[in-house]
Every structure is written in structure tokens, then in C-alpha cells.
Amino acid sequence: MSMAVETFGFFMAAVGLLMLGVTLPNSYWRVSTVHGNVITTNTIFENLWFSCATDSLGVYNCWEFPSMLALSGIAGLRCTNIGGLELSRKAKLAATAGALHILAGICGMVAISWYAFNITRDFFDPLYPGTKYELGPALYLGWSASLISILGGLCLCSTCCCGSDEDPAA
């Protein structure tokens, strides 16, 4: 049973992180549609790094936000002899990976919820003079990705807490 839970947790955590990776570059974090007359309808959409506008003819104009933040590459972890580790060390390694997946899911959930809070606050503020945006589909994708990452991390952590049902001599 523990092996099945660990495998399920691994795949859930991997899918969650993949979905979070898809959420970040998605253009539709917040969306606003400006209706003019029948011919000119504009849609404005933004994400963390740029803002774009398109009209009913399909013409896109995008502007990047000036930023000094550069995303660093993943340094990586040198894993050697994973197959030769004893079961207790493998369980601790799985629990550590699970804790990191839970942390990644919580960080994603907090960041996306904070962004959504700012959108809804500006939308319902009658004194806000700027463009009124709505929640974009990327936020819903990010929330589900964070939840899947947390669930996968919990499955990985449960393998260390509950122990293994398998015989180490087998």
C-alpha cells in the first residue's frame, strides 16, 4: 500500500509542479473587455511580466513591464546511488520531497490568491479610476495546480509517517 501511495504522490506532485510551470507564462491572469460600438471591441489581458491588448480584428499590442527581476535557473540536485539506499533513507528522502512540494503548493496558493485579491479589490472599488479587470483563467489553473502539488506532497510525506508495509528482505 505504501508503494502505491508513494507512486501516486510522486505523480500528483509532478503534475502539480508542471501545472504551476504552465500557469506562470500564461497571459490571462487578469482580463478586461472594453465594448465600444459593434465594430471596435478591445480585450486587455495581463500576466506578471507583460500587458497585451487586442481588438476585434485580431491585432495584438503587447508591452513588457520593466523589471530587474530575473528568474534564476534551477541548480539541480546530484542524486547518486538512489537505488542502493536503505528503505529508511528512501522514506526520509520521500518525506523531504513531499515537504518541499507542500511548500511549493502553499507558495503558489498564497501568490495567486494575493494577486486575485488585488484584482477583486480594484474591481469593486467605486473610486478606482483605472481599468476594471476580472479574474483570468490562469488563476484558476494556478489554484488547482497548487492544490494538486499540496496533495501530492501529503502523499509523499505519509510514506515516512505511516511506514512501509513491505518486507525489507524481499
N, C-alpha and C. Protein backbone atom coordinates (compact mmCIF):
# COMPACT_ATOMS: atom_id res chain seq x y z
N MET A 1 0.82 -1.20 0.00
CA MET A 1 0.00 0.00 0.00
C MET A 1 0.86 1.26 0.00
N SER A 2 1.95 1.23 0.77
CA SER A 2 2.80 2.41 0.88
C SER A 2 3.46 2.75 -0.45
N MET A 3 3.83 1.73 -1.21
CA MET A 3 4.46 1.96 -2.51
C MET A 3 3.47 2.61 -3.47
N ALA A 4 2.21 2.18 -3.42
CA ALA A 4 1.19 2.76 -4.29
C ALA A 4 0.92 4.22 -3.91
N VAL A 5 0.86 4.51 -2.62
CA VAL A 5 0.63 5.89 -2.17
C VAL A 5 1.81 6.77 -2.55
N GLU A 6 3.02 6.23 -2.41
CA GLU A 6 4.22 7.00 -2.77
C GLU A 6 4.26 7.28 -4.27
N THR A 7 3.92 6.29 -5.08
CA THR A 7 3.90 6.49 -6.53
C THR A 7 2.82 7.48 -6.93
N PHE A 8 1.63 7.35 -6.33
CA PHE A 8 0.55 8.30 -6.59
C PHE A 8 0.96 9.71 -6.18
N GLY A 9 1.57 9.83 -5.02
CA GLY A 9 2.03 11.14 -4.55
C GLY A 9 3.08 11.75 -5.46
N PHE A 10 3.99 10.91 -5.96
CA PHE A 10 5.01 11.40 -6.87
C PHE A 10 4.39 11.98 -8.13
N PHE A 11 3.45 11.24 -8.72
CA PHE A 11 2.82 11.72 -9.96
C PHE A 11 1.95 12.94 -9.72
N MET A 12 1.24 12.98 -8.59
CA MET A 12 0.42 14.16 -8.28
C MET A 12 1.30 15.39 -8.09
N ALA A 13 2.39 15.23 -7.36
CA ALA A 13 3.29 16.36 -7.13
C ALA A 13 3.93 16.82 -8.43
N ALA A 14 4.31 15.88 -9.29
CA ALA A 14 4.91 16.25 -10.57
C ALA A 14 3.90 16.98 -11.46
N VAL A 15 2.66 16.50 -11.49
CA VAL A 15 1.62 17.17 -12.28
C VAL A 15 1.35 18.56 -11.73
N GLY A 16 1.33 18.69 -10.40
CA GLY A 16 1.11 20.00 -9.78
C GLY A 16 2.19 20.99 -10.15
N LEU A 17 3.44 20.56 -10.09
CA LEU A 17 4.53 21.47 -10.45
C LEU A 17 4.52 21.79 -11.94
N LEU A 18 4.16 20.82 -12.77
CA LEU A 18 4.05 21.08 -14.21
C LEU A 18 2.95 22.11 -14.48
N MET A 19 1.82 21.96 -13.80
CA MET A 19 0.73 22.92 -13.98
C MET A 19 1.11 24.31 -13.47
N LEU A 20 1.84 24.38 -12.36
CA LEU A 20 2.32 25.68 -11.89
C LEU A 20 3.28 26.30 -12.90
N GLY A 21 4.11 25.46 -13.53
CA GLY A 21 5.00 25.96 -14.57
C GLY A 21 4.26 26.47 -15.79
N VAL A 22 3.10 25.89 -16.09
CA VAL A 22 2.28 26.36 -17.21
C VAL A 22 1.54 27.64 -16.83
N THR A 23 1.21 27.78 -15.56
CA THR A 23 0.46 28.96 -15.10
C THR A 23 1.29 30.23 -15.20
N LEU A 24 2.56 30.16 -14.87
CA LEU A 24 3.39 31.38 -14.83
C LEU A 24 3.46 32.13 -16.16
N PRO A 25 3.74 31.48 -17.28
CA PRO A 25 3.82 32.26 -18.53
C PRO A 25 2.46 32.51 -19.19
N ASN A 26 1.37 31.97 -18.63
CA ASN A 26 0.05 32.16 -19.21
C ASN A 26 -0.32 33.65 -19.22
N SER A 27 -0.84 34.13 -20.32
CA SER A 27 -1.11 35.56 -20.49
C SER A 27 -2.37 36.02 -19.78
N TYR A 28 -3.25 35.13 -19.42
CA TYR A 28 -4.57 35.53 -18.93
C TYR A 28 -4.68 35.45 -17.41
N TRP A 29 -3.88 36.23 -16.70
CA TRP A 29 -4.02 36.32 -15.26
C TRP A 29 -5.16 37.24 -14.90
N ARG A 30 -5.32 38.32 -15.64
CA ARG A 30 -6.48 39.18 -15.47
C ARG A 30 -6.89 39.70 -16.84
N VAL A 31 -8.20 39.81 -17.02
CA VAL A 31 -8.76 40.11 -18.34
C VAL A 31 -9.80 41.21 -18.20
N SER A 32 -9.81 42.12 -19.17
CA SER A 32 -10.83 43.16 -19.22
C SER A 32 -11.27 43.32 -20.67
N THR A 33 -12.57 43.36 -20.87
CA THR A 33 -13.12 43.56 -22.20
C THR A 33 -13.80 44.91 -22.24
N VAL A 34 -13.39 45.73 -23.19
CA VAL A 34 -13.96 47.07 -23.36
C VAL A 34 -14.85 47.02 -24.60
N HIS A 35 -16.15 47.23 -24.39
CA HIS A 35 -17.09 47.21 -25.50
C HIS A 35 -17.34 48.64 -25.95
N GLY A 36 -17.07 48.88 -27.22
CA GLY A 36 -17.40 50.18 -27.80
C GLY A 36 -18.62 50.00 -28.67
N ASN A 37 -18.52 50.47 -29.89
CA ASN A 37 -19.61 50.18 -30.81
C ASN A 37 -19.46 48.76 -31.33
N VAL A 38 -20.24 48.35 -32.27
CA VAL A 38 -20.27 46.96 -32.71
C VAL A 38 -18.94 46.51 -33.30
N ILE A 39 -18.23 47.40 -33.96
CA ILE A 39 -17.02 47.01 -34.67
C ILE A 39 -15.79 47.01 -33.76
N THR A 40 -15.66 47.94 -32.86
CA THR A 40 -14.44 48.03 -32.06
C THR A 40 -14.68 47.49 -30.65
N THR A 41 -14.21 46.29 -30.42
CA THR A 41 -14.22 45.68 -29.10
C THR A 41 -12.77 45.37 -28.75
N ASN A 42 -12.33 45.83 -27.61
CA ASN A 42 -10.96 45.60 -27.17
C ASN A 42 -10.94 44.64 -26.00
N THR A 43 -9.95 43.77 -25.98
CA THR A 43 -9.72 42.89 -24.85
C THR A 43 -8.31 43.17 -24.35
N ILE A 44 -8.21 43.44 -23.06
CA ILE A 44 -6.92 43.71 -22.43
C ILE A 44 -6.64 42.55 -21.47
N PHE A 45 -5.46 41.96 -21.56
CA PHE A 45 -5.10 40.88 -20.67
C PHE A 45 -3.66 41.05 -20.22
N GLU A 46 -3.40 40.61 -18.98
CA GLU A 46 -2.08 40.79 -18.36
C GLU A 46 -1.68 39.53 -17.63
N ASN A 47 -0.37 39.39 -17.46
CA ASN A 47 0.18 38.41 -16.53
C ASN A 47 1.23 39.13 -15.69
N LEU A 48 2.17 38.40 -15.15
CA LEU A 48 3.15 39.02 -14.25
C LEU A 48 4.18 39.87 -14.98
N TRP A 49 4.41 39.61 -16.28
CA TRP A 49 5.51 40.25 -16.97
C TRP A 49 5.13 41.18 -18.11
N PHE A 50 3.91 41.10 -18.62
CA PHE A 50 3.53 41.98 -19.72
C PHE A 50 2.02 42.19 -19.76
N SER A 51 1.64 43.20 -20.53
CA SER A 51 0.23 43.55 -20.74
C SER A 51 -0.01 43.58 -22.24
N CYS A 52 -1.13 43.00 -22.68
CA CYS A 52 -1.45 42.97 -24.11
C CYS A 52 -2.87 43.47 -24.32
N ALA A 53 -3.10 44.01 -25.50
CA ALA A 53 -4.43 44.44 -25.92
C ALA A 53 -4.66 43.93 -27.33
N THR A 54 -5.87 43.49 -27.57
CA THR A 54 -6.25 43.03 -28.90
C THR A 54 -7.61 43.62 -29.25
N ASP A 55 -7.82 43.87 -30.52
CA ASP A 55 -9.11 44.40 -30.94
C ASP A 55 -9.89 43.32 -31.69
N SER A 56 -11.07 43.67 -32.16
CA SER A 56 -11.92 42.69 -32.82
C SER A 56 -11.35 42.21 -34.15
N LEU A 57 -10.38 42.92 -34.69
CA LEU A 57 -9.73 42.50 -35.93
C LEU A 57 -8.58 41.52 -35.69
N GLY A 58 -8.21 41.30 -34.42
CA GLY A 58 -7.15 40.37 -34.10
C GLY A 58 -5.77 40.98 -34.02
N VAL A 59 -5.68 42.31 -33.97
CA VAL A 59 -4.39 42.99 -33.88
C VAL A 59 -3.96 43.02 -32.41
N TYR A 60 -2.75 42.50 -32.14
CA TYR A 60 -2.22 42.45 -30.79
C TYR A 60 -1.17 43.54 -30.59
N ASN A 61 -1.20 44.17 -29.43
CA ASN A 61 -0.14 45.08 -29.00
C ASN A 61 0.23 44.67 -27.58
N CYS A 62 1.52 44.41 -27.35
CA CYS A 62 1.98 43.98 -26.03
C CYS A 62 3.06 44.91 -25.52
N TRP A 63 3.07 45.12 -24.19
CA TRP A 63 4.07 45.94 -23.53
C TRP A 63 4.62 45.15 -22.36
N GLU A 64 5.94 45.06 -22.28
CA GLU A 64 6.57 44.38 -21.16
C GLU A 64 6.67 45.33 -19.98
N PHE A 65 6.49 44.78 -18.78
CA PHE A 65 6.68 45.57 -17.57
C PHE A 65 8.17 45.68 -17.31
N PRO A 66 8.67 46.88 -17.00
CA PRO A 66 10.10 47.00 -16.67
C PRO A 66 10.37 46.31 -15.33
N SER A 67 11.35 45.43 -15.33
CA SER A 67 11.64 44.68 -14.11
C SER A 67 13.11 44.32 -14.07
N MET A 68 13.68 44.39 -12.89
CA MET A 68 15.06 43.96 -12.69
C MET A 68 15.13 42.50 -12.23
N LEU A 69 13.95 41.90 -12.00
CA LEU A 69 13.92 40.53 -11.51
C LEU A 69 14.18 39.56 -12.64
N ALA A 70 15.14 38.72 -12.47
CA ALA A 70 15.41 37.67 -13.44
C ALA A 70 15.24 36.34 -12.73
N LEU A 71 14.54 35.43 -13.35
CA LEU A 71 14.34 34.12 -12.74
C LEU A 71 15.60 33.29 -12.91
N SER A 72 16.15 32.86 -11.81
CA SER A 72 17.37 32.06 -11.88
C SER A 72 17.04 30.63 -12.30
N GLY A 73 17.99 30.00 -12.91
CA GLY A 73 17.80 28.61 -13.33
C GLY A 73 17.86 27.67 -12.13
N ILE A 74 17.32 26.53 -12.33
CA ILE A 74 17.34 25.53 -11.27
C ILE A 74 18.73 24.91 -11.23
N ALA A 75 19.36 24.99 -10.07
CA ALA A 75 20.72 24.49 -9.93
C ALA A 75 20.77 22.97 -10.04
N GLY A 76 19.76 22.30 -9.52
CA GLY A 76 19.71 20.84 -9.62
C GLY A 76 20.27 20.18 -8.38
N LEU A 77 20.03 18.93 -8.28
CA LEU A 77 20.48 18.14 -7.15
C LEU A 77 21.14 16.89 -7.68
N ARG A 78 22.35 16.66 -7.23
CA ARG A 78 23.09 15.49 -7.71
C ARG A 78 22.67 14.28 -6.87
N CYS A 79 21.93 13.40 -7.50
CA CYS A 79 21.44 12.19 -6.82
C CYS A 79 22.22 11.00 -7.35
N THR A 80 22.99 10.41 -6.50
CA THR A 80 23.75 9.23 -6.90
C THR A 80 23.35 8.07 -6.01
N ASN A 81 23.35 6.90 -6.59
CA ASN A 81 23.10 5.68 -5.83
C ASN A 81 21.73 5.66 -5.16
N ILE A 82 20.72 6.22 -5.81
CA ILE A 82 19.39 6.23 -5.21
C ILE A 82 18.87 4.81 -5.02
N GLY A 83 19.13 3.94 -5.97
CA GLY A 83 18.66 2.56 -5.86
C GLY A 83 19.32 1.79 -4.73
N GLY A 84 20.48 2.23 -4.28
CA GLY A 84 21.19 1.50 -3.24
C GLY A 84 20.90 1.97 -1.83
N LEU A 85 20.05 2.96 -1.67
CA LEU A 85 19.75 3.45 -0.33
C LEU A 85 18.86 2.47 0.41
N GLU A 86 19.01 2.40 1.73
CA GLU A 86 18.12 1.55 2.51
C GLU A 86 16.74 2.22 2.62
N LEU A 87 15.75 1.43 3.00
CA LEU A 87 14.36 1.90 2.97
C LEU A 87 14.11 3.10 3.89
N SER A 88 14.78 3.15 5.04
CA SER A 88 14.53 4.28 5.95
C SER A 88 15.04 5.59 5.34
N ARG A 89 16.16 5.54 4.65
CA ARG A 89 16.66 6.76 4.00
C ARG A 89 15.79 7.15 2.82
N LYS A 90 15.28 6.16 2.09
CA LYS A 90 14.37 6.46 0.98
C LYS A 90 13.09 7.11 1.50
N ALA A 91 12.59 6.62 2.62
CA ALA A 91 11.38 7.19 3.20
C ALA A 91 11.63 8.63 3.65
N LYS A 92 12.80 8.88 4.24
CA LYS A 92 13.13 10.25 4.65
C LYS A 92 13.29 11.17 3.44
N LEU A 93 13.89 10.65 2.38
CA LEU A 93 14.04 11.42 1.15
C LEU A 93 12.68 11.74 0.53
N ALA A 94 11.78 10.75 0.54
CA ALA A 94 10.42 10.98 0.02
C ALA A 94 9.68 11.99 0.87
N ALA A 95 9.85 11.93 2.19
CA ALA A 95 9.19 12.89 3.07
C ALA A 95 9.73 14.30 2.86
N THR A 96 11.03 14.41 2.65
CA THR A 96 11.62 15.73 2.38
C THR A 96 11.09 16.28 1.06
N ALA A 97 11.03 15.43 0.04
CA ALA A 97 10.48 15.87 -1.24
C ALA A 97 9.02 16.27 -1.09
N GLY A 98 8.27 15.51 -0.30
CA GLY A 98 6.87 15.84 -0.05
C GLY A 98 6.72 17.18 0.65
N ALA A 99 7.57 17.43 1.64
CA ALA A 99 7.51 18.72 2.34
C ALA A 99 7.82 19.88 1.40
N LEU A 100 8.77 19.68 0.50
CA LEU A 100 9.09 20.74 -0.47
C LEU A 100 7.96 20.95 -1.47
N HIS A 101 7.28 19.88 -1.86
CA HIS A 101 6.12 20.02 -2.74
C HIS A 101 4.98 20.75 -2.03
N ILE A 102 4.78 20.45 -0.76
CA ILE A 102 3.76 21.16 0.02
C ILE A 102 4.12 22.64 0.10
N LEU A 103 5.38 22.94 0.36
CA LEU A 103 5.83 24.33 0.43
C LEU A 103 5.63 25.04 -0.91
N ALA A 104 5.94 24.36 -2.01
CA ALA A 104 5.74 24.96 -3.33
C ALA A 104 4.27 25.23 -3.59
N GLY A 105 3.41 24.29 -3.20
CA GLY A 105 1.98 24.49 -3.38
C GLY A 105 1.44 25.63 -2.55
N ILE A 106 1.91 25.75 -1.31
CA ILE A 106 1.47 26.84 -0.45
C ILE A 106 1.96 28.18 -0.99
N CYS A 107 3.21 28.23 -1.44
CA CYS A 107 3.73 29.49 -2.02
C CYS A 107 2.93 29.89 -3.26
N GLY A 108 2.62 28.92 -4.12
CA GLY A 108 1.81 29.22 -5.29
C GLY A 108 0.42 29.69 -4.91
N MET A 109 -0.19 29.04 -3.92
CA MET A 109 -1.54 29.40 -3.48
C MET A 109 -1.56 30.81 -2.90
N VAL A 110 -0.56 31.15 -2.10
CA VAL A 110 -0.51 32.49 -1.49
C VAL A 110 -0.32 33.56 -2.56
N ALA A 111 0.62 33.34 -3.48
CA ALA A 111 0.89 34.35 -4.51
C ALA A 111 -0.32 34.55 -5.42
N ILE A 112 -0.95 33.48 -5.84
CA ILE A 112 -2.10 33.59 -6.74
C ILE A 112 -3.29 34.20 -6.02
N SER A 113 -3.51 33.82 -4.77
CA SER A 113 -4.62 34.39 -4.00
C SER A 113 -4.41 35.88 -3.74
N TRP A 114 -3.18 36.28 -3.48
CA TRP A 114 -2.87 37.69 -3.27
C TRP A 114 -3.15 38.50 -4.54
N TYR A 115 -2.74 37.96 -5.67
CA TYR A 115 -2.98 38.62 -6.95
C TYR A 115 -4.48 38.73 -7.21
N ALA A 116 -5.23 37.66 -6.93
CA ALA A 116 -6.68 37.67 -7.13
C ALA A 116 -7.35 38.66 -6.18
N PHE A 117 -6.86 38.76 -4.96
CA PHE A 117 -7.41 39.72 -4.00
C PHE A 117 -7.25 41.15 -4.53
N ASN A 118 -6.08 41.46 -5.08
CA ASN A 118 -5.86 42.80 -5.62
C ASN A 118 -6.80 43.09 -6.79
N ILE A 119 -7.04 42.10 -7.63
CA ILE A 119 -7.95 42.29 -8.77
C ILE A 119 -9.37 42.56 -8.28
N THR A 120 -9.85 41.75 -7.35
CA THR A 120 -11.22 41.93 -6.87
C THR A 120 -11.37 43.20 -6.06
N ARG A 121 -10.34 43.58 -5.31
CA ARG A 121 -10.41 44.83 -4.56
C ARG A 121 -10.55 46.02 -5.50
N ASP A 122 -9.74 46.05 -6.56
CA ASP A 122 -9.84 47.14 -7.53
C ASP A 122 -11.15 47.10 -8.30
N PHE A 123 -11.66 45.90 -8.57
CA PHE A 123 -12.89 45.78 -9.35
C PHE A 123 -14.09 46.34 -8.59
N PHE A 124 -14.16 46.07 -7.29
CA PHE A 124 -15.31 46.51 -6.51
C PHE A 124 -15.13 47.87 -5.86
N ASP A 125 -13.99 48.51 -6.05
CA ASP A 125 -13.75 49.84 -5.50
C ASP A 125 -14.39 50.88 -6.43
N PRO A 126 -15.43 51.59 -5.98
CA PRO A 126 -16.08 52.57 -6.86
C PRO A 126 -15.22 53.78 -7.17
N LEU A 127 -14.19 54.01 -6.38
CA LEU A 127 -13.32 55.17 -6.59
C LEU A 127 -12.08 54.84 -7.41
N TYR A 128 -11.91 53.58 -7.81
CA TYR A 128 -10.73 53.18 -8.58
C TYR A 128 -10.87 53.71 -10.01
N PRO A 129 -9.91 54.57 -10.44
CA PRO A 129 -10.06 55.21 -11.76
C PRO A 129 -9.56 54.36 -12.93
N GLY A 130 -8.83 53.30 -12.67
CA GLY A 130 -8.21 52.52 -13.75
C GLY A 130 -9.17 51.53 -14.39
N THR A 131 -8.61 50.68 -15.22
CA THR A 131 -9.37 49.65 -15.91
C THR A 131 -9.82 48.59 -14.91
N LYS A 132 -11.07 48.19 -15.01
CA LYS A 132 -11.62 47.14 -14.14
C LYS A 132 -11.33 45.78 -14.77
N TYR A 133 -10.51 44.99 -14.08
CA TYR A 133 -10.14 43.66 -14.57
C TYR A 133 -10.94 42.59 -13.85
N GLU A 134 -11.06 41.43 -14.49
CA GLU A 134 -11.69 40.26 -13.89
C GLU A 134 -10.63 39.17 -13.75
N LEU A 135 -10.95 38.16 -12.94
CA LEU A 135 -10.02 37.05 -12.76
C LEU A 135 -9.89 36.27 -14.06
N GLY A 136 -8.65 36.02 -14.46
CA GLY A 136 -8.40 35.27 -15.69
C GLY A 136 -8.32 33.78 -15.44
N PRO A 137 -8.40 32.99 -16.49
CA PRO A 137 -8.36 31.53 -16.33
C PRO A 137 -7.03 31.01 -15.78
N ALA A 138 -5.96 31.76 -15.92
CA ALA A 138 -4.67 31.30 -15.38
C ALA A 138 -4.71 31.21 -13.86
N LEU A 139 -5.50 32.05 -13.21
CA LEU A 139 -5.59 31.99 -11.75
C LEU A 139 -6.26 30.69 -11.30
N TYR A 140 -7.30 30.28 -12.01
CA TYR A 140 -7.96 29.02 -11.66
C TYR A 140 -7.03 27.83 -11.91
N LEU A 141 -6.27 27.88 -12.98
CA LEU A 141 -5.28 26.84 -13.26
C LEU A 141 -4.22 26.81 -12.15
N GLY A 142 -3.78 27.98 -11.71
CA GLY A 142 -2.79 28.04 -10.65
C GLY A 142 -3.30 27.53 -9.31
N TRP A 143 -4.56 27.85 -8.98
CA TRP A 143 -5.14 27.34 -7.74
C TRP A 143 -5.24 25.82 -7.77
N SER A 144 -5.70 25.26 -8.88
CA SER A 144 -5.80 23.80 -8.96
C SER A 144 -4.41 23.16 -8.95
N ALA A 145 -3.43 23.78 -9.60
CA ALA A 145 -2.07 23.25 -9.59
C ALA A 145 -1.48 23.26 -8.19
N SER A 146 -1.72 24.32 -7.45
CA SER A 146 -1.22 24.40 -6.07
C SER A 146 -1.85 23.32 -5.21
N LEU A 147 -3.15 23.11 -5.37
CA LEU A 147 -3.84 22.09 -4.60
C LEU A 147 -3.32 20.69 -4.94
N ILE A 148 -3.11 20.42 -6.21
CA ILE A 148 -2.57 19.11 -6.62
C ILE A 148 -1.16 18.92 -6.08
N SER A 149 -0.35 19.97 -6.09
CA SER A 149 1.01 19.87 -5.56
C SER A 149 0.99 19.59 -4.06
N ILE A 150 0.07 20.24 -3.34
CA ILE A 150 -0.05 20.01 -1.90
C ILE A 150 -0.50 18.58 -1.62
N LEU A 151 -1.49 18.10 -2.37
CA LEU A 151 -1.97 16.73 -2.18
C LEU A 151 -0.89 15.70 -2.49
N GLY A 152 -0.13 15.92 -3.56
CA GLY A 152 0.97 15.02 -3.88
C GLY A 152 2.04 15.03 -2.79
N GLY A 153 2.34 16.21 -2.26
CA GLY A 153 3.31 16.30 -1.17
C GLY A 153 2.83 15.59 0.09
N LEU A 154 1.53 15.69 0.37
CA LEU A 154 0.98 14.98 1.54
C LEU A 154 1.09 13.47 1.36
N CYS A 155 0.85 12.98 0.15
CA CYS A 155 1.00 11.54 -0.10
C CYS A 155 2.45 11.11 0.08
N LEU A 156 3.39 11.93 -0.39
CA LEU A 156 4.80 11.59 -0.21
C LEU A 156 5.20 11.62 1.26
N CYS A 157 4.68 12.59 2.01
CA CYS A 157 5.01 12.67 3.44
C CYS A 157 4.39 11.51 4.22
N SER A 158 3.26 11.01 3.77
CA SER A 158 2.60 9.93 4.51
C SER A 158 3.40 8.63 4.45
N THR A 159 4.26 8.47 3.46
CA THR A 159 5.05 7.24 3.38
C THR A 159 6.07 7.17 4.51
N CYS A 160 6.56 8.30 4.97
CA CYS A 160 7.53 8.32 6.07
C CYS A 160 6.81 8.15 7.41
N CYS A 161 5.67 8.80 7.56
CA CYS A 161 4.94 8.76 8.83
C CYS A 161 4.31 7.40 9.09
N CYS A 162 3.74 6.81 8.07
CA CYS A 162 3.00 5.56 8.24
C CYS A 162 3.88 4.33 8.12
N GLY A 163 5.09 4.51 7.64
CA GLY A 163 6.00 3.38 7.50
C GLY A 163 5.69 2.58 6.25
N SER A 164 6.47 1.58 6.02
CA SER A 164 6.34 0.75 4.83
C SER A 164 5.75 -0.60 5.21
N ASP A 165 4.83 -1.10 4.38
CA ASP A 165 4.23 -2.41 4.62
C ASP A 165 5.07 -3.54 4.04
N GLU A 166 6.07 -3.21 3.27
CA GLU A 166 6.84 -4.22 2.57
C GLU A 166 7.96 -4.77 3.45
N ASP A 167 8.30 -6.00 3.20
CA ASP A 167 9.37 -6.66 3.93
C ASP A 167 10.70 -6.22 3.33
N PRO A 168 11.63 -5.67 4.14
CA PRO A 168 12.89 -5.21 3.58
C PRO A 168 13.74 -6.34 3.02
N ALA A 169 13.51 -7.58 3.44
CA ALA A 169 14.31 -8.69 2.95
C ALA A 169 13.83 -9.18 1.58
N ALA A 170 12.63 -8.78 1.19
CA ALA A 170 12.06 -9.27 -0.07
C ALA A 170 12.70 -8.66 -1.26
